[in-house]
Protein backbone atom coordinates (compact mmCIF):
# COMPACT_ATOMS: atom_id res chain seq x y z
CA MET A 1 -2.06 6.65 24.21
CA LYS A 2 -0.13 7.21 20.86
CA ILE A 3 0.46 4.34 18.72
CA PRO A 4 2.72 5.07 15.66
CA PHE A 5 2.35 2.78 12.61
CA SER A 6 5.75 1.08 12.36
CA PRO A 7 8.60 2.49 14.23
CA PRO A 8 12.14 0.75 13.96
CA ASP A 9 13.21 -1.84 16.67
CA ILE A 10 16.70 -0.47 17.57
CA THR A 11 18.46 -1.65 20.65
CA ASP A 12 21.80 -0.68 22.25
CA ALA A 13 23.45 -3.61 20.41
CA GLU A 14 22.77 -1.87 17.14
CA ILE A 15 24.04 1.48 18.37
CA ASP A 16 27.10 -0.18 19.76
CA GLU A 17 27.83 -1.87 16.34
CA VAL A 18 27.38 1.45 14.72
CA VAL A 19 29.73 3.24 16.99
CA ASN A 20 32.35 0.32 16.49
CA THR A 21 32.13 1.00 12.61
CA LEU A 22 32.48 4.86 13.09
CA GLN A 23 35.51 4.32 15.37
CA SER A 24 37.12 1.85 12.91
CA GLY A 25 37.65 4.62 10.40
CA TRP A 26 35.95 2.58 7.77
CA ILE A 27 32.46 3.78 7.20
CA THR A 28 31.61 3.10 3.34
CA THR A 29 31.29 -0.21 1.59
CA GLY A 30 33.87 -2.55 3.26
CA PRO A 31 34.30 -5.39 5.73
CA LYS A 32 30.98 -4.98 7.62
CA THR A 33 29.02 -4.86 4.35
CA LYS A 34 30.73 -8.01 3.24
CA LYS A 35 30.01 -9.69 6.55
CA PHE A 36 26.29 -8.68 6.32
CA GLU A 37 26.17 -10.31 2.78
CA ASN A 38 27.64 -13.57 4.19
CA MET A 39 25.18 -13.58 6.92
CA ILE A 40 22.22 -13.05 4.66
CA THR A 41 23.49 -15.76 2.39
CA LYS A 42 23.73 -18.24 5.31
CA PHE A 43 20.42 -17.26 6.76
CA CYS A 44 18.53 -17.73 3.41
CA MET A 45 20.69 -20.67 2.29
CA SER A 46 21.18 -18.84 -0.82
CA GLU A 47 24.02 -19.01 -3.49
CA LYS A 48 25.22 -15.44 -2.79
CA THR A 49 24.04 -11.94 -1.61
CA VAL A 50 24.75 -8.46 -2.84
CA CYS A 51 23.73 -5.48 -0.44
CA LEU A 52 22.67 -2.23 -2.03
CA ASP A 53 21.10 1.08 -0.98
CA SER A 54 17.53 -0.18 -1.53
CA CYS A 55 15.14 -2.79 -2.66
CA THR A 56 14.50 -0.75 -5.66
CA SER A 57 18.07 -0.76 -6.62
CA ALA A 58 18.12 -4.53 -6.00
CA LEU A 59 15.30 -4.95 -8.52
CA GLU A 60 16.72 -2.59 -11.03
CA MET A 61 20.41 -3.85 -10.94
CA THR A 62 19.15 -7.33 -11.27
CA LEU A 63 17.07 -6.46 -14.38
CA ARG A 64 20.22 -4.76 -15.79
CA VAL A 65 22.38 -7.82 -15.04
CA LEU A 66 19.78 -9.93 -16.92
CA GLY A 67 20.05 -7.68 -19.86
CA VAL A 68 16.50 -6.53 -19.66
CA LYS A 69 16.03 -3.34 -21.84
CA LYS A 70 13.75 -1.22 -24.10
CA GLY A 71 11.27 -3.47 -26.11
CA ASP A 72 11.22 -6.01 -23.30
CA GLU A 73 8.16 -6.79 -21.11
CA VAL A 74 8.06 -7.61 -17.25
CA ILE A 75 5.02 -8.83 -15.50
CA VAL A 76 4.31 -6.88 -12.27
CA PRO A 77 1.34 -7.01 -9.86
CA ALA A 78 -1.18 -4.10 -10.21
CA TYR A 79 -1.55 -4.44 -6.44
CA THR A 80 1.86 -3.31 -5.16
CA TYR A 81 3.90 -0.24 -4.31
CA THR A 82 5.38 1.71 -7.27
CA ALA A 83 8.98 0.49 -6.69
CA THR A 84 8.04 -2.91 -8.15
CA ALA A 85 7.20 -1.36 -11.40
CA SER A 86 9.51 1.79 -11.33
CA ALA A 87 12.50 -0.50 -11.46
CA VAL A 88 11.15 -1.91 -14.80
CA CYS A 89 10.68 1.59 -16.30
CA HIS A 90 14.11 2.54 -15.08
CA VAL A 91 15.75 0.05 -17.39
CA GLY A 92 13.41 1.14 -20.39
CA ALA A 93 11.27 -2.09 -20.42
CA THR A 94 7.46 -2.17 -20.18
CA PRO A 95 5.66 -2.99 -16.96
CA ILE A 96 2.73 -5.38 -17.66
CA LEU A 97 0.29 -5.19 -14.85
CA ILE A 98 -1.61 -8.19 -13.86
CA ASP A 99 -4.82 -8.14 -11.59
CA CYS A 100 -4.71 -9.98 -8.26
CA MET A 101 -7.04 -13.00 -7.63
CA GLN A 102 -10.42 -12.37 -6.07
CA ASN A 103 -10.17 -11.41 -2.47
CA SER A 104 -6.46 -11.96 -2.52
CA VAL A 105 -3.31 -9.71 -2.67
CA GLN A 106 -1.56 -12.02 -4.78
CA MET A 107 -1.39 -12.05 -8.60
CA ASP A 108 -3.99 -14.10 -10.52
CA TYR A 109 -2.04 -17.08 -11.42
CA GLU A 110 -4.79 -18.26 -13.91
CA LYS A 111 -4.32 -15.02 -15.84
CA LEU A 112 -0.50 -15.22 -15.83
CA PRO A 113 -0.05 -17.56 -18.84
CA TYR A 114 -1.96 -15.30 -20.92
CA LEU A 115 0.38 -12.24 -20.41
CA ILE A 116 3.52 -14.14 -21.33
CA ASN A 117 4.86 -13.75 -24.92
CA ALA A 118 7.95 -13.40 -26.84
CA LYS A 119 8.85 -10.09 -25.22
CA THR A 120 8.43 -11.39 -21.65
CA LYS A 121 11.75 -11.63 -19.88
CA VAL A 122 10.91 -11.42 -16.18
CA ILE A 123 8.03 -12.00 -13.77
CA ILE A 124 8.05 -9.97 -10.43
CA PRO A 125 5.89 -11.60 -7.92
CA VAL A 126 5.35 -9.50 -4.68
CA ASP A 127 5.29 -11.21 -1.17
CA LEU A 128 2.86 -8.50 0.11
CA GLY A 129 2.52 -8.22 3.79
CA GLY A 130 5.22 -10.91 4.27
CA VAL A 131 3.29 -13.85 2.81
CA PRO A 132 5.32 -15.71 0.20
CA CYS A 133 3.68 -16.14 -3.30
CA ASP A 134 3.00 -19.57 -4.80
CA TYR A 135 6.32 -19.84 -6.50
CA ASP A 136 5.70 -23.53 -7.41
CA LYS A 137 2.82 -22.33 -9.66
CA ILE A 138 4.75 -19.57 -11.14
CA PHE A 139 7.63 -21.91 -12.09
CA GLU A 140 5.05 -24.40 -13.49
CA ILE A 141 3.56 -21.61 -15.65
CA VAL A 142 7.06 -20.31 -16.84
CA GLU A 143 8.08 -23.80 -17.88
CA GLN A 144 4.96 -24.36 -19.69
CA LYS A 145 5.71 -21.21 -21.73
CA ARG A 146 9.32 -22.05 -22.24
CA ASP A 147 8.88 -22.32 -26.03
CA LEU A 148 7.90 -18.79 -26.29
CA PHE A 149 10.96 -17.24 -24.63
CA VAL A 150 13.42 -15.39 -26.79
CA PRO A 151 16.65 -14.88 -24.85
CA SER A 152 18.85 -11.92 -25.06
CA GLY A 153 22.44 -12.33 -23.63
CA PRO A 154 24.24 -15.30 -21.99
CA LEU A 155 22.30 -15.11 -18.71
CA GLN A 156 18.84 -15.21 -20.45
CA GLU A 157 20.23 -18.12 -22.51
CA ALA A 158 21.37 -19.92 -19.37
CA PHE A 159 17.79 -19.78 -18.04
CA GLY A 160 16.10 -20.48 -21.25
CA ARG A 161 12.75 -19.36 -19.86
CA VAL A 162 11.11 -16.33 -18.26
CA ILE A 163 13.14 -15.45 -15.08
CA VAL A 164 11.39 -15.20 -11.68
CA LEU A 165 12.64 -12.10 -9.58
CA ALA A 166 10.86 -12.03 -6.26
CA ASP A 167 9.99 -8.60 -4.72
CA ALA A 168 10.47 -9.71 -1.14
CA ALA A 169 10.61 -6.27 0.37
CA HIS A 170 8.20 -7.57 3.04
CA SER A 171 9.24 -11.02 3.59
CA ILE A 172 12.67 -11.53 4.91
CA GLY A 173 12.48 -14.66 7.30
CA ALA A 174 9.27 -15.99 5.78
CA LYS A 175 9.21 -19.54 4.42
CA ARG A 176 7.27 -21.74 1.97
CA ASN A 177 7.51 -25.48 1.97
CA LEU A 178 10.08 -25.20 4.59
CA TYR A 179 12.35 -23.10 2.26
CA ARG A 180 13.29 -19.56 3.22
CA VAL A 181 12.42 -16.64 1.10
CA GLY A 182 15.71 -15.81 -0.69
CA THR A 183 15.88 -19.27 -2.44
CA LEU A 184 12.22 -19.62 -3.80
CA ALA A 185 12.66 -17.39 -6.75
CA ASP A 186 15.60 -17.36 -9.31
CA PHE A 187 16.52 -13.86 -7.69
CA THR A 188 15.02 -12.25 -4.66
CA ALA A 189 15.16 -8.50 -3.65
CA PHE A 190 14.81 -7.47 0.11
CA SER A 191 14.26 -4.09 1.53
CA PHE A 192 15.73 -2.86 4.82
CA HIS A 193 13.93 0.43 4.77
CA ALA A 194 13.12 2.02 8.29
CA VAL A 195 9.70 0.36 8.46
CA LYS A 196 10.81 -3.19 7.48
CA ASN A 197 11.11 -6.11 9.87
CA LEU A 198 14.89 -5.90 9.42
CA THR A 199 16.13 -2.49 8.85
CA THR A 200 19.52 -0.76 8.11
CA GLY A 201 17.80 2.67 7.78
CA GLU A 202 17.68 2.46 4.16
CA GLY A 203 19.08 -0.45 2.20
CA GLY A 204 18.35 -3.55 0.38
CA ALA A 205 19.82 -6.79 -1.07
CA VAL A 206 19.55 -9.32 -3.72
CA THR A 207 20.14 -13.06 -3.41
CA TRP A 208 19.91 -15.74 -5.98
CA LYS A 209 19.81 -19.66 -6.30
CA LYS A 210 22.61 -21.66 -7.62
CA HIS A 211 22.40 -22.23 -11.35
CA PRO A 212 24.67 -24.86 -12.95
CA ASP A 213 25.46 -22.72 -16.08
CA ILE A 214 25.99 -19.42 -14.21
CA ASP A 215 29.41 -18.30 -12.52
CA SER A 216 28.04 -16.74 -9.19
CA GLU A 217 31.51 -15.14 -8.67
CA GLU A 218 31.25 -13.39 -12.00
CA LEU A 219 27.60 -12.49 -11.32
CA TYR A 220 28.57 -10.87 -8.07
CA LYS A 221 31.30 -8.80 -9.92
CA GLN A 222 28.74 -7.56 -12.43
CA TYR A 223 26.49 -6.27 -9.55
CA MET A 224 29.64 -4.52 -7.84
CA LEU A 225 30.42 -2.88 -11.24
CA LEU A 226 26.82 -1.62 -11.78
CA SER A 227 26.54 -0.32 -8.17
CA LEU A 228 29.87 1.51 -7.97
CA HIS A 229 30.18 3.58 -11.16
CA GLY A 230 31.60 0.58 -13.20
CA GLN A 231 34.81 0.90 -11.22
CA SER A 232 36.91 -2.22 -11.52
CA LYS A 233 38.17 -1.99 -7.81
CA ASP A 234 35.99 -0.90 -4.79
CA ALA A 235 37.40 1.48 -2.31
CA LEU A 236 38.49 -1.39 0.11
CA ALA A 237 40.62 -2.98 -2.59
CA LYS A 238 42.19 0.34 -3.59
CA THR A 239 43.63 0.71 -0.07
CA GLN A 240 45.93 -2.17 -0.53
CA LEU A 241 49.68 -1.27 -1.07
CA GLY A 242 50.15 0.08 -4.58
CA ALA A 243 46.73 -0.84 -5.59
CA TRP A 244 45.41 2.65 -6.32
CA GLU A 245 44.95 2.15 -10.09
CA TYR A 246 41.55 1.23 -11.41
CA ASP A 247 39.48 1.12 -14.57
CA ILE A 248 35.94 2.23 -15.49
CA ILE A 249 34.27 -0.57 -17.37
CA GLY A 250 31.10 1.31 -18.15
CA PRO A 251 29.29 4.56 -17.03
CA TYR A 252 27.20 2.90 -14.49
CA PHE A 253 25.40 3.63 -11.17
CA LYS A 254 26.05 4.51 -7.57
CA CYS A 255 23.94 2.51 -5.09
CA ASN A 256 26.13 0.69 -2.74
CA MET A 257 25.37 -0.05 0.89
CA THR A 258 27.82 1.49 3.60
CA ASP A 259 29.38 -0.34 6.41
CA ILE A 260 27.25 1.96 8.84
CA MET A 261 23.96 0.67 7.36
CA ALA A 262 25.53 -2.84 7.30
CA SER A 263 26.35 -2.40 11.09
CA ILE A 264 22.62 -2.05 11.96
CA GLY A 265 21.79 -5.04 9.72
CA ILE A 266 24.21 -7.36 11.24
CA VAL A 267 22.60 -7.01 14.69
CA GLN A 268 19.03 -6.74 13.18
CA LEU A 269 19.60 -10.13 11.43
CA GLN A 270 20.96 -11.67 14.66
CA ARG A 271 17.68 -10.55 16.40
CA LEU A 272 15.27 -11.27 13.51
CA PRO A 273 14.09 -14.66 14.88
CA GLU A 274 13.02 -13.04 18.21
CA MET A 275 11.29 -10.19 16.43
CA LEU A 276 9.33 -12.47 13.98
CA ARG A 277 8.18 -14.53 17.09
CA ARG A 278 6.80 -11.27 18.59
CA ARG A 279 5.05 -10.29 15.36
CA ARG A 280 3.44 -13.81 15.19
CA LYS A 281 2.15 -13.33 18.83
CA ILE A 282 0.57 -9.92 17.89
CA ILE A 283 -1.05 -11.32 14.87
CA GLU A 284 -2.42 -14.29 16.58
CA TYR A 285 -4.01 -12.00 19.22
CA TYR A 286 -5.55 -9.68 16.50
CA ASN A 287 -6.92 -12.65 14.72
CA ARG A 288 -8.56 -13.94 17.75
CA GLU A 289 -10.06 -10.64 18.60
CA LEU A 290 -11.34 -10.11 15.22
CA SER A 291 -12.67 -13.54 14.52
CA ASP A 292 -16.22 -12.61 15.17
CA GLN A 293 -16.33 -9.13 13.37
CA SER A 294 -17.30 -8.31 9.73
CA VAL A 295 -13.79 -8.21 8.59
CA SER A 296 -11.41 -10.37 6.50
CA VAL A 297 -7.75 -10.58 7.45
CA LEU A 298 -4.65 -11.50 5.53
CA MET A 299 -3.66 -15.07 6.39
CA HIS A 300 -0.25 -15.07 7.65
CA TYR A 301 0.34 -18.83 8.65
CA SER A 302 -1.12 -21.69 6.77
CA ASP A 303 -2.10 -25.18 8.20
CA LYS A 304 0.72 -27.55 8.59
CA GLU A 305 3.03 -24.59 8.12
CA LYS A 306 2.88 -24.76 4.26
CA PHE A 307 3.82 -21.13 4.40
CA VAL A 308 4.97 -19.01 7.21
CA SER A 309 4.87 -15.14 6.91
CA SER A 310 7.29 -12.66 8.14
CA GLY A 311 4.33 -10.97 9.76
CA HIS A 312 5.17 -7.51 8.04
CA LEU A 313 1.70 -6.00 7.63
CA TYR A 314 -1.66 -6.65 9.30
CA LEU A 315 -4.16 -6.20 6.43
CA VAL A 316 -7.96 -6.00 7.23
CA LYS A 317 -10.67 -5.84 4.84
CA LEU A 318 -13.86 -4.14 6.03
CA MET A 319 -16.43 -6.32 4.31
CA TRP A 320 -19.09 -4.81 2.27
CA GLN A 321 -17.74 -1.28 2.98
CA ASP A 322 -16.37 1.31 0.53
CA GLU A 323 -13.58 3.86 0.30
CA GLU A 324 -15.50 6.55 2.18
CA TYR A 325 -16.25 4.19 5.17
CA ARG A 326 -12.58 3.03 5.32
CA ASN A 327 -11.25 6.53 5.17
CA ASN A 328 -13.66 7.45 8.05
CA VAL A 329 -12.34 4.52 10.10
CA ILE A 330 -8.82 5.82 9.46
CA THR A 331 -9.70 9.28 10.87
CA GLN A 332 -11.55 7.89 13.85
CA MET A 333 -8.49 5.64 14.74
CA ALA A 334 -6.32 8.68 14.36
CA ASN A 335 -8.56 10.50 16.78
CA CYS A 336 -7.66 7.73 19.36
CA GLY A 337 -4.02 8.36 18.48
CA ILE A 338 -3.55 5.25 16.55
CA ALA A 339 -1.81 5.41 13.09
CA THR A 340 -3.00 3.21 10.31
CA ASN A 341 -2.38 2.91 6.75
CA VAL A 342 -3.57 1.45 3.48
CA HIS A 343 -1.63 -1.26 1.44
CA TYR A 344 -1.91 -0.34 -1.47
CA LYS A 345 -3.72 1.98 -3.62
CA PRO A 346 -3.28 -0.11 -7.00
CA LEU A 347 -0.92 1.22 -9.64
CA PRO A 348 -3.72 1.77 -12.31
CA MET A 349 -5.11 4.58 -10.00
CA MET A 350 -1.75 6.40 -10.01
CA THR A 351 -1.08 9.26 -12.43
CA ALA A 352 2.10 7.68 -13.64
CA TYR A 353 0.43 4.40 -14.82
CA LYS A 354 -2.68 6.05 -16.03
CA ARG A 355 -0.31 7.77 -18.44
CA MET A 356 0.96 4.51 -19.47
CA GLY A 357 -2.71 3.54 -20.50
CA TYR A 358 -3.71 1.69 -17.42
CA ASP A 359 -7.34 1.93 -16.22
CA ILE A 360 -8.31 0.61 -12.92
CA LYS A 361 -11.61 -0.64 -14.42
CA ASP A 362 -9.51 -3.29 -16.13
CA PHE A 363 -8.22 -4.52 -12.46
CA PRO A 364 -11.54 -5.08 -10.64
CA ASN A 365 -10.16 -7.44 -7.96
CA ALA A 366 -7.25 -5.02 -7.11
CA PHE A 367 -9.69 -2.19 -6.75
CA ASN A 368 -12.04 -4.37 -4.51
CA MET A 369 -9.05 -5.37 -2.35
CA TYR A 370 -7.96 -1.71 -1.95
CA LYS A 371 -11.39 0.09 -1.50
CA ASN A 372 -12.07 -1.18 2.02
CA GLU A 373 -8.58 -2.26 3.09
CA ILE A 374 -7.03 -0.89 6.35
CA THR A 375 -3.65 -1.93 7.83
CA LEU A 376 -3.33 -1.83 11.66
CA PRO A 377 -0.11 -1.16 13.57
CA LEU A 378 2.19 -4.22 13.80
CA TYR A 379 5.76 -4.31 14.98
CA SER A 380 7.90 -5.89 17.41
CA LYS A 381 8.08 -3.10 19.83
CA LEU A 382 4.31 -2.97 20.17
CA THR A 383 3.37 -4.07 23.86
CA ASP A 384 0.45 -6.25 24.89
CA GLU A 385 -1.15 -3.07 26.28
CA GLN A 386 -0.65 -1.18 23.08
CA ALA A 387 -2.04 -3.97 21.03
CA GLU A 388 -5.01 -4.24 23.28
CA TYR A 389 -5.67 -0.55 22.87
CA VAL A 390 -5.48 -0.88 18.99
CA ILE A 391 -7.91 -3.66 18.85
CA THR A 392 -10.39 -2.39 21.35
CA ASN A 393 -10.60 0.90 19.65
CA PHE A 394 -10.75 -0.58 16.23
CA LYS A 395 -13.71 -3.00 17.17
CA ARG A 396 -15.46 0.06 18.73
CA VAL A 397 -14.96 2.20 15.70
CA ILE A 398 -16.23 -0.38 13.12
CA ARG A 399 -19.19 -1.23 15.25
CA GLU A 400 -20.31 2.51 15.40
């Protein structure tokens, strides 16, 4: 049996929607993208949504909208994929890495206050694996540090404190305290990459909460300008009679979502609740089967539903083991036809971040999470038979 790691769950409904778009004659950013944005806003109960070509763009354009620039600092977990920190580097700011808590993939909230200073503009928590971070705790900390905040520009002045931008690449559909991800942070960036719970092939989006001193329509226009070369009219607006003329407000960027991508997303979002239920069923089966093994697994669902994960990744720690043992398990699973992965190799172990002066020795909790972590296949198309094959072979391999 061959078990891939995370194939997309695409049905005839997505294909039919894409065909409809191709036949419509409008395939770039247009009515389908706007419809998808409105659907996300309604689903997340956010103030508004902007769809872009990736989560990385969603993070970067949000930092640019907020006026984050060279000389500023943005706090980022050491235990994440590079995109979280890369977006900070793209705007010229400095990523300040924070270790995770012991035996946890989430940032160390006790260390967070000590990293906030007058240069700190944004914190980017990461909902790793689909589990929402403790945003109540994060907001409590940034409020306590409000007196240190030095705003630059009107949006920063409106907040009057460090801004919380969630990297929710893994967590669309997740909840904390009954609120959906998309409204838990000031801004939230989603990924719709091919391996995500909801895919548009590539793609991403940013949502935000209502703020009494911020004009959301004007904010939306700023995202449009940044994502379409600073052009004062998008292609759809220019098709109106006599409306060819436009201006270039600034030499900006090109990272818009197309209607082809949005077509897939429209159907995927409609199907998301059923796909999340399937993921939960697999997670609960894995949990039962591994309850008597020498492993620790990421908790996706808390007691009394305080938080409900999107079930994006099934992370397993091979207790008391090291990198060599973990890598051997990965090889043995591959010999059984089962693809596994590691989430994540901490940023201080990567060349780019070593060159910035980061040393993994300063992030012991991140290293201890990484050194014996393995991620098992988890996706909505995984059948009961395939899930049983994965877990049976995994238990056999770690016993040998």
